[in-house]
Amino acid sequence: SSAEAASQNFKKTIENNTSGKFQNVNLDAYFYAAKASLMVDDTKSAKEYLNIVVNDKGSKMNEARQILNELK
């Protein structure tokens, strides 16, 4: 599915961005990977990714926290 393909692309972005200079890009990628995971009912991965965004204070932290609250 396109959601699965998107999830793979976000994971590739995170793996390739190891310089540490663009941590915000990784955190945004985790956020969108979480949303893609939810589209294919992979709640476990989604929660994992969203927790990373919240813990590392990504730009999507508030949205991530809101989604996590809805998943409980």
C-alpha atoms as a PDB file:
ATOM      1  CA  SER A   1       0.000   0.000   0.000  1.00  0.00           C
ATOM      2  CA  SER A   2       1.052   3.611  -0.344  1.00  0.00           C
ATOM      3  CA  ALA A   3       1.055   4.000   3.464  1.00  0.00           C
ATOM      4  CA  GLU A   4       3.532   1.123   3.786  1.00  0.00           C
ATOM      5  CA  ALA A   5       5.724   2.639   1.059  1.00  0.00           C
ATOM      6  CA  ALA A   6       5.627   6.012   2.806  1.00  0.00           C
ATOM      7  CA  SER A   7       6.603   4.386   6.092  1.00  0.00           C
ATOM      8  CA  GLN A   8       9.619   2.741   4.438  1.00  0.00           C
ATOM      9  CA  ASN A   9      10.670   6.077   2.935  1.00  0.00           C
ATOM     10  CA  PHE A  10      10.472   7.812   6.315  1.00  0.00           C
ATOM     11  CA  LYS A  11      12.578   5.049   7.881  1.00  0.00           C
ATOM     12  CA  LYS A  12      15.147   5.459   5.090  1.00  0.00           C
ATOM     13  CA  THR A  13      15.289   9.207   5.767  1.00  0.00           C
ATOM     14  CA  ILE A  14      15.957   8.563   9.458  1.00  0.00           C
ATOM     15  CA  GLU A  15      18.644   5.954   8.714  1.00  0.00           C
ATOM     16  CA  ASN A  16      20.416   8.211   6.205  1.00  0.00           C
ATOM     17  CA  ASN A  17      20.316  11.341   8.359  1.00  0.00           C
ATOM     18  CA  THR A  18      22.962  10.443  10.924  1.00  0.00           C
ATOM     19  CA  SER A  19      25.020  13.652  10.935  1.00  0.00           C
ATOM     20  CA  GLY A  20      23.131  15.010  13.943  1.00  0.00           C
ATOM     21  CA  LYS A  21      22.751  18.357  12.196  1.00  0.00           C
ATOM     22  CA  PHE A  22      19.132  17.912  11.217  1.00  0.00           C
ATOM     23  CA  GLN A  23      17.582  16.154  14.202  1.00  0.00           C
ATOM     24  CA  ASN A  24      14.311  18.034  13.567  1.00  0.00           C
ATOM     25  CA  VAL A  25      14.056  16.323  10.160  1.00  0.00           C
ATOM     26  CA  ASN A  26      14.337  12.926  11.842  1.00  0.00           C
ATOM     27  CA  LEU A  27      11.716  13.841  14.422  1.00  0.00           C
ATOM     28  CA  ASP A  28       9.320  15.008  11.711  1.00  0.00           C
ATOM     29  CA  ALA A  29      10.012  11.774   9.801  1.00  0.00           C
ATOM     30  CA  TYR A  30       9.193   9.777  12.943  1.00  0.00           C
ATOM     31  CA  PHE A  31       5.929  11.706  13.273  1.00  0.00           C
ATOM     32  CA  TYR A  32       4.874  10.989   9.700  1.00  0.00           C
ATOM     33  CA  ALA A  33       6.061   7.372   9.966  1.00  0.00           C
ATOM     34  CA  ALA A  34       3.758   7.073  12.973  1.00  0.00           C
ATOM     35  CA  LYS A  35       0.825   8.424  10.975  1.00  0.00           C
ATOM     36  CA  ALA A  36       1.605   5.995   8.140  1.00  0.00           C
ATOM     37  CA  SER A  37       1.798   3.147  10.685  1.00  0.00           C
ATOM     38  CA  LEU A  38      -1.644   4.073  11.993  1.00  0.00           C
ATOM     39  CA  MET A  39      -3.021   3.885   8.451  1.00  0.00           C
ATOM     40  CA  VAL A  40      -2.000   0.215   8.297  1.00  0.00           C
ATOM     41  CA  ASP A  41      -3.141  -0.497  11.876  1.00  0.00           C
ATOM     42  CA  ASP A  42       0.394  -0.842  13.245  1.00  0.00           C
ATOM     43  CA  THR A  43      -0.367   0.861  16.545  1.00  0.00           C
ATOM     44  CA  LYS A  44       2.717  -0.559  18.280  1.00  0.00           C
ATOM     45  CA  SER A  45       5.137   1.119  15.841  1.00  0.00           C
ATOM     46  CA  ALA A  46       3.076   4.302  15.827  1.00  0.00           C
ATOM     47  CA  LYS A  47       3.307   4.617  19.615  1.00  0.00           C
ATOM     48  CA  GLU A  48       7.047   3.946  19.502  1.00  0.00           C
ATOM     49  CA  TYR A  49       7.608   6.698  16.908  1.00  0.00           C
ATOM     50  CA  LEU A  50       5.303   9.175  18.640  1.00  0.00           C
ATOM     51  CA  ASN A  51       7.081   8.647  21.961  1.00  0.00           C
ATOM     52  CA  ILE A  52      10.399   9.496  20.282  1.00  0.00           C
ATOM     53  CA  VAL A  53       8.900  12.759  18.968  1.00  0.00           C
ATOM     54  CA  VAL A  54       7.550  13.664  22.425  1.00  0.00           C
ATOM     55  CA  ASN A  55      10.685  12.661  24.347  1.00  0.00           C
ATOM     56  CA  ASP A  56      13.030  14.541  21.988  1.00  0.00           C
ATOM     57  CA  LYS A  57      10.696  17.561  21.838  1.00  0.00           C
ATOM     58  CA  GLY A  58      10.157  17.535  18.074  1.00  0.00           C
ATOM     59  CA  SER A  59       8.214  20.285  16.322  1.00  0.00           C
ATOM     60  CA  LYS A  60       5.204  17.946  16.164  1.00  0.00           C
ATOM     61  CA  MET A  61       5.436  17.130  19.901  1.00  0.00           C
ATOM     62  CA  ASN A  62       1.995  18.483  20.817  1.00  0.00           C
ATOM     63  CA  GLU A  63       0.294  16.676  17.939  1.00  0.00           C
ATOM     64  CA  ALA A  64       2.190  13.487  18.817  1.00  0.00           C
ATOM     65  CA  ARG A  65       1.085  13.744  22.452  1.00  0.00           C
ATOM     66  CA  GLN A  66      -2.527  14.260  21.356  1.00  0.00           C
ATOM     67  CA  ILE A  67      -2.455  11.163  19.121  1.00  0.00           C
ATOM     68  CA  LEU A  68      -0.865   9.111  21.908  1.00  0.00           C
ATOM     69  CA  ASN A  69      -3.650  10.173  24.276  1.00  0.00           C
ATOM     70  CA  GLU A  70      -6.247   9.068  21.723  1.00  0.00           C
ATOM     71  CA  LEU A  71      -4.558   5.662  21.342  1.00  0.00           C
ATOM     72  CA  LYS A  72      -4.773   4.814  25.060  1.00  0.00           C
END
